[in-house]
Amino acid sequence: MAKYKDTGIGTRSNTLACSVKLPQDYRDWIYAQPNPSQWMRDVLMAAVDKARDQRKPKGFGKPR
């Protein structure tokens, strides 16, 4: 897992957020679900926030 550490790619916490396409207003959407589990909401929020914070600028690392 060491080689993924800096990008966060492949980590369990943001795999869900990156592979599942959440609506733009994901917070409202998650809280609007019928009978949502508080634990699941917290996990989703953390995963989405983490994935968003680790996003790199477009074209990052590409040779010019």
PDB file of N, CA and C in Angstrom:
ATOM      1  N   MET A   1       0.831  -1.208   0.000  1.00  0.00           N
ATOM      2  CA  MET A   1       0.000   0.000   0.000  1.00  0.00           C
ATOM      3  C   MET A   1       0.863   1.255   0.000  1.00  0.00           C
ATOM      4  N   ALA A   2       2.134   1.118   0.284  1.00  0.00           N
ATOM      5  CA  ALA A   2       2.979   2.307   0.474  1.00  0.00           C
ATOM      6  C   ALA A   2       3.007   3.186  -0.776  1.00  0.00           C
ATOM      7  N   LYS A   3       3.041   2.554  -1.947  1.00  0.00           N
ATOM      8  CA  LYS A   3       3.190   3.374  -3.146  1.00  0.00           C
ATOM      9  C   LYS A   3       1.926   4.187  -3.452  1.00  0.00           C
ATOM     10  N   TYR A   4       0.800   3.868  -2.817  1.00  0.00           N
ATOM     11  CA  TYR A   4      -0.431   4.628  -3.062  1.00  0.00           C
ATOM     12  C   TYR A   4      -0.624   5.756  -2.047  1.00  0.00           C
ATOM     13  N   LYS A   5       0.284   5.829  -1.073  1.00  0.00           N
ATOM     14  CA  LYS A   5       0.041   6.700   0.081  1.00  0.00           C
ATOM     15  C   LYS A   5      -0.216   8.153  -0.299  1.00  0.00           C
ATOM     16  N   ASP A   6       0.573   8.709  -1.222  1.00  0.00           N
ATOM     17  CA  ASP A   6       0.458  10.145  -1.488  1.00  0.00           C
ATOM     18  C   ASP A   6      -0.784  10.493  -2.303  1.00  0.00           C
ATOM     19  N   THR A   7      -1.259   9.599  -3.158  1.00  0.00           N
ATOM     20  CA  THR A   7      -2.410   9.944  -3.997  1.00  0.00           C
ATOM     21  C   THR A   7      -3.721   9.517  -3.360  1.00  0.00           C
ATOM     22  N   GLY A   8      -3.673   8.493  -2.490  1.00  0.00           N
ATOM     23  CA  GLY A   8      -4.909   7.992  -1.913  1.00  0.00           C
ATOM     24  C   GLY A   8      -5.603   7.017  -2.831  1.00  0.00           C
ATOM     25  N   ILE A   9      -5.048   6.775  -4.029  1.00  0.00           N
ATOM     26  CA  ILE A   9      -5.669   5.842  -4.961  1.00  0.00           C
ATOM     27  C   ILE A   9      -5.512   4.430  -4.417  1.00  0.00           C
ATOM     28  N   GLY A  10      -6.596   3.681  -4.422  1.00  0.00           N
ATOM     29  CA  GLY A  10      -6.524   2.309  -3.978  1.00  0.00           C
ATOM     30  C   GLY A  10      -6.763   2.130  -2.494  1.00  0.00           C
ATOM     31  N   THR A  11      -6.942   3.226  -1.760  1.00  0.00           N
ATOM     32  CA  THR A  11      -7.234   3.078  -0.340  1.00  0.00           C
ATOM     33  C   THR A  11      -8.714   2.802  -0.165  1.00  0.00           C
ATOM     34  N   ARG A  12      -9.042   2.045   0.852  1.00  0.00           N
ATOM     35  CA  ARG A  12     -10.435   1.645   1.057  1.00  0.00           C
ATOM     36  C   ARG A  12     -11.347   2.847   1.273  1.00  0.00           C
ATOM     37  N   SER A  13     -10.831   3.880   1.932  1.00  0.00           N
ATOM     38  CA  SER A  13     -11.711   4.966   2.350  1.00  0.00           C
ATOM     39  C   SER A  13     -12.243   5.774   1.174  1.00  0.00           C
ATOM     40  N   ASN A  14     -11.482   5.889   0.087  1.00  0.00           N
ATOM     41  CA  ASN A  14     -12.021   6.703  -1.001  1.00  0.00           C
ATOM     42  C   ASN A  14     -12.357   5.893  -2.242  1.00  0.00           C
ATOM     43  N   THR A  15     -12.225   4.569  -2.166  1.00  0.00           N
ATOM     44  CA  THR A  15     -12.593   3.748  -3.314  1.00  0.00           C
ATOM     45  C   THR A  15     -14.082   3.902  -3.608  1.00  0.00           C
ATOM     46  N   LEU A  16     -14.880   3.874  -2.539  1.00  0.00           N
ATOM     47  CA  LEU A  16     -16.332   3.986  -2.709  1.00  0.00           C
ATOM     48  C   LEU A  16     -16.693   5.314  -3.362  1.00  0.00           C
ATOM     49  N   ALA A  17     -16.102   6.388  -2.845  1.00  0.00           N
ATOM     50  CA  ALA A  17     -16.462   7.714  -3.341  1.00  0.00           C
ATOM     51  C   ALA A  17     -16.055   7.878  -4.802  1.00  0.00           C
ATOM     52  N   CYS A  18     -14.940   7.248  -5.193  1.00  0.00           N
ATOM     53  CA  CYS A  18     -14.462   7.437  -6.551  1.00  0.00           C
ATOM     54  C   CYS A  18     -15.203   6.541  -7.540  1.00  0.00           C
ATOM     55  N   SER A  19     -15.650   5.373  -7.077  1.00  0.00           N
ATOM     56  CA  SER A  19     -16.258   4.438  -8.018  1.00  0.00           C
ATOM     57  C   SER A  19     -17.767   4.638  -8.113  1.00  0.00           C
ATOM     58  N   VAL A  20     -18.370   5.190  -7.075  1.00  0.00           N
ATOM     59  CA  VAL A  20     -19.816   5.427  -7.103  1.00  0.00           C
ATOM     60  C   VAL A  20     -20.051   6.877  -7.484  1.00  0.00           C
ATOM     61  N   LYS A  21     -20.896   7.090  -8.481  1.00  0.00           N
ATOM     62  CA  LYS A  21     -21.144   8.456  -8.916  1.00  0.00           C
ATOM     63  C   LYS A  21     -22.229   9.065  -8.049  1.00  0.00           C
ATOM     64  N   LEU A  22     -21.816   9.943  -7.144  1.00  0.00           N
ATOM     65  CA  LEU A  22     -22.786  10.569  -6.249  1.00  0.00           C
ATOM     66  C   LEU A  22     -23.310  11.857  -6.884  1.00  0.00           C
ATOM     67  N   PRO A  23     -24.560  12.193  -6.588  1.00  0.00           N
ATOM     68  CA  PRO A  23     -25.107  13.447  -7.102  1.00  0.00           C
ATOM     69  C   PRO A  23     -24.288  14.633  -6.608  1.00  0.00           C
ATOM     70  N   GLN A  24     -24.406  15.764  -7.297  1.00  0.00           N
ATOM     71  CA  GLN A  24     -23.635  16.957  -6.937  1.00  0.00           C
ATOM     72  C   GLN A  24     -23.866  17.324  -5.475  1.00  0.00           C
ATOM     73  N   ASP A  25     -25.136  17.354  -5.072  1.00  0.00           N
ATOM     74  CA  ASP A  25     -25.442  17.687  -3.683  1.00  0.00           C
ATOM     75  C   ASP A  25     -25.558  16.392  -2.893  1.00  0.00           C
ATOM     76  N   TYR A  26     -24.419  15.671  -2.814  1.00  0.00           N
ATOM     77  CA  TYR A  26     -24.454  14.329  -2.221  1.00  0.00           C
ATOM     78  C   TYR A  26     -24.896  14.352  -0.775  1.00  0.00           C
ATOM     79  N   ARG A  27     -24.566  15.438  -0.044  1.00  0.00           N
ATOM     80  CA  ARG A  27     -24.961  15.488   1.366  1.00  0.00           C
ATOM     81  C   ARG A  27     -26.487  15.474   1.504  1.00  0.00           C
ATOM     82  N   ASP A  28     -27.149  16.349   0.751  1.00  0.00           N
ATOM     83  CA  ASP A  28     -28.616  16.385   0.822  1.00  0.00           C
ATOM     84  C   ASP A  28     -29.192  15.048   0.382  1.00  0.00           C
ATOM     85  N   TRP A  29     -28.586  14.484  -0.669  1.00  0.00           N
ATOM     86  CA  TRP A  29     -29.105  13.228  -1.207  1.00  0.00           C
ATOM     87  C   TRP A  29     -28.981  12.104  -0.176  1.00  0.00           C
ATOM     88  N   ILE A  30     -27.837  12.046   0.499  1.00  0.00           N
ATOM     89  CA  ILE A  30     -27.636  10.984   1.490  1.00  0.00           C
ATOM     90  C   ILE A  30     -28.588  11.174   2.668  1.00  0.00           C
ATOM     91  N   TYR A  31     -28.733  12.428   3.123  1.00  0.00           N
ATOM     92  CA  TYR A  31     -29.601  12.666   4.274  1.00  0.00           C
ATOM     93  C   TYR A  31     -31.072  12.477   3.913  1.00  0.00           C
ATOM     94  N   ALA A  32     -31.394  12.511   2.632  1.00  0.00           N
ATOM     95  CA  ALA A  32     -32.787  12.365   2.216  1.00  0.00           C
ATOM     96  C   ALA A  32     -33.179  10.894   2.051  1.00  0.00           C
ATOM     97  N   GLN A  33     -32.216  10.001   2.107  1.00  0.00           N
ATOM     98  CA  GLN A  33     -32.539   8.583   1.933  1.00  0.00           C
ATOM     99  C   GLN A  33     -33.431   8.112   3.076  1.00  0.00           C
ATOM    100  N   PRO A  34     -34.356   7.226   2.787  1.00  0.00           N
ATOM    101  CA  PRO A  34     -35.242   6.723   3.833  1.00  0.00           C
ATOM    102  C   PRO A  34     -34.469   5.901   4.858  1.00  0.00           C
ATOM    103  N   ASN A  35     -34.681   6.240   6.126  1.00  0.00           N
ATOM    104  CA  ASN A  35     -34.094   5.460   7.223  1.00  0.00           C
ATOM    105  C   ASN A  35     -32.584   5.290   7.097  1.00  0.00           C
ATOM    106  N   PRO A  36     -31.835   6.360   6.903  1.00  0.00           N
ATOM    107  CA  PRO A  36     -30.393   6.196   6.729  1.00  0.00           C
ATOM    108  C   PRO A  36     -29.715   5.899   8.068  1.00  0.00           C
ATOM    109  N   SER A  37     -28.670   5.119   8.007  1.00  0.00           N
ATOM    110  CA  SER A  37     -27.920   4.823   9.226  1.00  0.00           C
ATOM    111  C   SER A  37     -26.906   5.934   9.464  1.00  0.00           C
ATOM    112  N   GLN A  38     -26.852   6.436  10.678  1.00  0.00           N
ATOM    113  CA  GLN A  38     -25.924   7.533  11.000  1.00  0.00           C
ATOM    114  C   GLN A  38     -24.484   7.112  10.719  1.00  0.00           C
ATOM    115  N   TRP A  39     -24.165   5.855  11.034  1.00  0.00           N
ATOM    116  CA  TRP A  39     -22.803   5.369  10.805  1.00  0.00           C
ATOM    117  C   TRP A  39     -22.465   5.396   9.313  1.00  0.00           C
ATOM    118  N   MET A  40     -23.427   4.947   8.493  1.00  0.00           N
ATOM    119  CA  MET A  40     -23.171   4.910   7.057  1.00  0.00           C
ATOM    120  C   MET A  40     -22.989   6.323   6.510  1.00  0.00           C
ATOM    121  N   ARG A  41     -23.797   7.254   7.017  1.00  0.00           N
ATOM    122  CA  ARG A  41     -23.654   8.639   6.551  1.00  0.00           C
ATOM    123  C   ARG A  41     -22.268   9.177   6.892  1.00  0.00           C
ATOM    124  N   ASP A  42     -21.822   8.906   8.122  1.00  0.00           N
ATOM    125  CA  ASP A  42     -20.500   9.400   8.522  1.00  0.00           C
ATOM    126  C   ASP A  42     -19.408   8.811   7.636  1.00  0.00           C
ATOM    127  N   VAL A  43     -19.525   7.524   7.350  1.00  0.00           N
ATOM    128  CA  VAL A  43     -18.518   6.867   6.511  1.00  0.00           C
ATOM    129  C   VAL A  43     -18.525   7.478   5.116  1.00  0.00           C
ATOM    130  N   LEU A  44     -19.716   7.673   4.560  1.00  0.00           N
ATOM    131  CA  LEU A  44     -19.805   8.250   3.214  1.00  0.00           C
ATOM    132  C   LEU A  44     -19.228   9.662   3.190  1.00  0.00           C
ATOM    133  N   MET A  45     -19.579  10.464   4.178  1.00  0.00           N
ATOM    134  CA  MET A  45     -19.079  11.841   4.222  1.00  0.00           C
ATOM    135  C   MET A  45     -17.546  11.839   4.266  1.00  0.00           C
ATOM    136  N   ALA A  46     -16.991  11.006   5.133  1.00  0.00           N
ATOM    137  CA  ALA A  46     -15.537  10.968   5.268  1.00  0.00           C
ATOM    138  C   ALA A  46     -14.886  10.521   3.958  1.00  0.00           C
ATOM    139  N   ALA A  47     -15.473   9.514   3.323  1.00  0.00           N
ATOM    140  CA  ALA A  47     -14.892   8.999   2.084  1.00  0.00           C
ATOM    141  C   ALA A  47     -14.944  10.050   0.980  1.00  0.00           C
ATOM    142  N   VAL A  48     -16.094  10.712   0.850  1.00  0.00           N
ATOM    143  CA  VAL A  48     -16.233  11.703  -0.220  1.00  0.00           C
ATOM    144  C   VAL A  48     -15.329  12.902   0.050  1.00  0.00           C
ATOM    145  N   ASP A  49     -15.292  13.356   1.295  1.00  0.00           N
ATOM    146  CA  ASP A  49     -14.435  14.494   1.628  1.00  0.00           C
ATOM    147  C   ASP A  49     -12.972  14.155   1.358  1.00  0.00           C
ATOM    148  N   LYS A  50     -12.566  12.972   1.743  1.00  0.00           N
ATOM    149  CA  LYS A  50     -11.169  12.574   1.559  1.00  0.00           C
ATOM    150  C   LYS A  50     -10.823  12.517   0.074  1.00  0.00           C
ATOM    151  N   ALA A  51     -11.714  11.927  -0.718  1.00  0.00           N
ATOM    152  CA  ALA A  51     -11.450  11.823  -2.151  1.00  0.00           C
ATOM    153  C   ALA A  51     -11.391  13.217  -2.783  1.00  0.00           C
ATOM    154  N   ARG A  52     -12.282  14.106  -2.354  1.00  0.00           N
ATOM    155  CA  ARG A  52     -12.302  15.444  -2.941  1.00  0.00           C
ATOM    156  C   ARG A  52     -11.032  16.217  -2.565  1.00  0.00           C
ATOM    157  N   ASP A  53     -10.578  16.045  -1.321  1.00  0.00           N
ATOM    158  CA  ASP A  53      -9.395  16.781  -0.886  1.00  0.00           C
ATOM    159  C   ASP A  53      -8.136  16.287  -1.600  1.00  0.00           C
ATOM    160  N   GLN A  54      -8.142  15.028  -2.016  1.00  0.00           N
ATOM    161  CA  GLN A  54      -6.927  14.469  -2.609  1.00  0.00           C
ATOM    162  C   GLN A  54      -6.898  14.592  -4.126  1.00  0.00           C
ATOM    163  N   ARG A  55      -7.933  15.169  -4.711  1.00  0.00           N
ATOM    164  CA  ARG A  55      -7.942  15.302  -6.157  1.00  0.00           C
ATOM    165  C   ARG A  55      -6.775  16.167  -6.620  1.00  0.00           C
ATOM    166  N   LYS A  56      -6.154  15.762  -7.694  1.00  0.00           N
ATOM    167  CA  LYS A  56      -5.013  16.535  -8.189  1.00  0.00           C
ATOM    168  C   LYS A  56      -5.498  17.437  -9.330  1.00  0.00           C
ATOM    169  N   PRO A  57      -4.784  18.513  -9.592  1.00  0.00           N
ATOM    170  CA  PRO A  57      -5.156  19.373 -10.714  1.00  0.00           C
ATOM    171  C   PRO A  57      -5.130  18.585 -12.022  1.00  0.00           C
ATOM    172  N   LYS A  58      -5.976  18.943 -12.953  1.00  0.00           N
ATOM    173  CA  LYS A  58      -6.050  18.216 -14.221  1.00  0.00           C
ATOM    174  C   LYS A  58      -4.709  18.316 -14.953  1.00  0.00           C
ATOM    175  N   GLY A  59      -4.248  17.179 -15.466  1.00  0.00           N
ATOM    176  CA  GLY A  59      -2.997  17.171 -16.206  1.00  0.00           C
ATOM    177  C   GLY A  59      -1.774  17.083 -15.314  1.00  0.00           C
ATOM    178  N   PHE A  60      -1.976  16.887 -14.022  1.00  0.00           N
ATOM    179  CA  PHE A  60      -0.853  16.838 -13.088  1.00  0.00           C
ATOM    180  C   PHE A  60       0.062  15.674 -13.428  1.00  0.00           C
ATOM    181  N   GLY A  61       1.338  15.956 -13.552  1.00  0.00           N
ATOM    182  CA  GLY A  61       2.320  14.896 -13.756  1.00  0.00           C
ATOM    183  C   GLY A  61       2.471  14.449 -15.190  1.00  0.00           C
ATOM    184  N   LYS A  62       1.745  15.059 -16.117  1.00  0.00           N
ATOM    185  CA  LYS A  62       1.890  14.648 -17.519  1.00  0.00           C
ATOM    186  C   LYS A  62       3.097  15.357 -18.143  1.00  0.00           C
ATOM    187  N   PRO A  63       3.845  14.664 -18.975  1.00  0.00           N
ATOM    188  CA  PRO A  63       5.000  15.308 -19.625  1.00  0.00           C
ATOM    189  C   PRO A  63       4.536  16.398 -20.583  1.00  0.00           C
ATOM    190  N   ARG A  64       5.308  17.456 -20.650  1.00  0.00           N
ATOM    191  CA  ARG A  64       4.927  18.557 -21.567  1.00  0.00           C
ATOM    192  C   ARG A  64       5.677  18.426 -22.871  1.00  0.00           C
TER     193      ARG A  64
END
